[in-house]
């Protein structure tokens, strides 16, 4: 069975990514902020710098993450 986790950090995704990078050597492979969304009306007010979607690798596992607005 293949499991691909998606974690939500309620506004602290960037901090979590830095923690995983420092603590276990995670490699961030993708990061998109709400302000970069192709659908600008999708972004909640004040969420421009928050992480809409990110992906990072831990060994062979790809983990996805978001601020989950």
C-alpha atoms as a PDB file:
ATOM      1  CA  UNK A   1       0.000   0.000   0.000  1.00  0.00           C
ATOM      2  CA  UNK A   2       1.213   3.501  -0.896  1.00  0.00           C
ATOM      3  CA  UNK A   3       0.516   6.257   1.646  1.00  0.00           C
ATOM      4  CA  UNK A   4       1.175   9.925   0.905  1.00  0.00           C
ATOM      5  CA  UNK A   5       0.539  12.134   3.946  1.00  0.00           C
ATOM      6  CA  UNK A   6      -0.767  15.691   3.679  1.00  0.00           C
ATOM      7  CA  UNK A   7      -0.127  17.765   6.813  1.00  0.00           C
ATOM      8  CA  UNK A   8      -1.889  21.010   7.767  1.00  0.00           C
ATOM      9  CA  UNK A   9      -0.146  23.509  10.036  1.00  0.00           C
ATOM     10  CA  UNK A  10      -2.710  26.279  10.659  1.00  0.00           C
ATOM     11  CA  UNK A  11      -0.428  29.149   9.638  1.00  0.00           C
ATOM     12  CA  UNK A  12       2.910  27.634  10.760  1.00  0.00           C
ATOM     13  CA  UNK A  13       3.826  25.556   7.711  1.00  0.00           C
ATOM     14  CA  UNK A  14       7.008  27.449   6.891  1.00  0.00           C
ATOM     15  CA  UNK A  15       8.187  26.998  10.475  1.00  0.00           C
ATOM     16  CA  UNK A  16       7.386  23.267  10.283  1.00  0.00           C
ATOM     17  CA  UNK A  17       9.310  22.897   7.019  1.00  0.00           C
ATOM     18  CA  UNK A  18      12.375  24.517   8.610  1.00  0.00           C
ATOM     19  CA  UNK A  19      12.035  22.207  11.624  1.00  0.00           C
ATOM     20  CA  UNK A  20      11.836  19.047   9.486  1.00  0.00           C
ATOM     21  CA  UNK A  21      14.766  20.235   7.362  1.00  0.00           C
ATOM     22  CA  UNK A  22      16.952  20.826  10.436  1.00  0.00           C
ATOM     23  CA  UNK A  23      15.765  17.871  12.536  1.00  0.00           C
ATOM     24  CA  UNK A  24      15.647  15.053   9.977  1.00  0.00           C
ATOM     25  CA  UNK A  25      17.210  16.441   6.809  1.00  0.00           C
ATOM     26  CA  UNK A  26      13.972  16.873   4.864  1.00  0.00           C
ATOM     27  CA  UNK A  27      14.356  18.402   1.407  1.00  0.00           C
ATOM     28  CA  UNK A  28      11.677  20.902   0.362  1.00  0.00           C
ATOM     29  CA  UNK A  29      10.913  20.154  -3.294  1.00  0.00           C
ATOM     30  CA  UNK A  30       8.004  22.554  -3.865  1.00  0.00           C
ATOM     31  CA  UNK A  31       6.497  25.584  -2.134  1.00  0.00           C
ATOM     32  CA  UNK A  32       3.664  27.788  -3.371  1.00  0.00           C
ATOM     33  CA  UNK A  33       2.201  30.681  -1.417  1.00  0.00           C
ATOM     34  CA  UNK A  34      -1.423  31.784  -1.574  1.00  0.00           C
ATOM     35  CA  UNK A  35      -0.393  34.998  -3.375  1.00  0.00           C
ATOM     36  CA  UNK A  36       1.042  32.826  -6.187  1.00  0.00           C
ATOM     37  CA  UNK A  37      -2.234  30.995  -6.766  1.00  0.00           C
ATOM     38  CA  UNK A  38      -3.468  30.968 -10.366  1.00  0.00           C
ATOM     39  CA  UNK A  39      -6.919  31.703  -8.860  1.00  0.00           C
ATOM     40  CA  UNK A  40      -6.328  34.902  -6.843  1.00  0.00           C
ATOM     41  CA  UNK A  41      -9.877  34.913  -5.483  1.00  0.00           C
ATOM     42  CA  UNK A  42      -9.081  31.563  -3.829  1.00  0.00           C
ATOM     43  CA  UNK A  43      -6.738  33.144  -1.272  1.00  0.00           C
ATOM     44  CA  UNK A  44      -8.357  34.126   2.024  1.00  0.00           C
ATOM     45  CA  UNK A  45      -7.809  37.774   3.055  1.00  0.00           C
ATOM     46  CA  UNK A  46      -4.391  38.252   4.651  1.00  0.00           C
ATOM     47  CA  UNK A  47      -3.114  34.834   3.580  1.00  0.00           C
ATOM     48  CA  UNK A  48      -0.807  36.006   0.777  1.00  0.00           C
ATOM     49  CA  UNK A  49       2.461  34.909   2.416  1.00  0.00           C
ATOM     50  CA  UNK A  50       1.062  31.713   3.928  1.00  0.00           C
ATOM     51  CA  UNK A  51       1.893  28.360   2.307  1.00  0.00           C
ATOM     52  CA  UNK A  52      -0.870  27.133   0.014  1.00  0.00           C
ATOM     53  CA  UNK A  53       0.975  23.920  -0.896  1.00  0.00           C
ATOM     54  CA  UNK A  54       4.400  22.471  -0.189  1.00  0.00           C
ATOM     55  CA  UNK A  55       6.079  19.137  -0.693  1.00  0.00           C
ATOM     56  CA  UNK A  56       9.133  17.740   1.025  1.00  0.00           C
ATOM     57  CA  UNK A  57      11.042  14.476   0.917  1.00  0.00           C
ATOM     58  CA  UNK A  58      12.106  12.428   3.897  1.00  0.00           C
ATOM     59  CA  UNK A  59      14.141   9.577   2.495  1.00  0.00           C
ATOM     60  CA  UNK A  60      11.996   8.082  -0.263  1.00  0.00           C
ATOM     61  CA  UNK A  61       8.744   9.453   1.198  1.00  0.00           C
ATOM     62  CA  UNK A  62       7.079  12.537  -0.241  1.00  0.00           C
ATOM     63  CA  UNK A  63       5.056  14.505   2.314  1.00  0.00           C
ATOM     64  CA  UNK A  64       2.749  17.346   1.325  1.00  0.00           C
ATOM     65  CA  UNK A  65       1.934  20.265   3.593  1.00  0.00           C
ATOM     66  CA  UNK A  66      -0.121  23.448   3.786  1.00  0.00           C
ATOM     67  CA  UNK A  67      -1.147  26.241   6.101  1.00  0.00           C
ATOM     68  CA  UNK A  68      -4.640  24.909   5.507  1.00  0.00           C
ATOM     69  CA  UNK A  69      -6.557  28.134   5.188  1.00  0.00           C
END
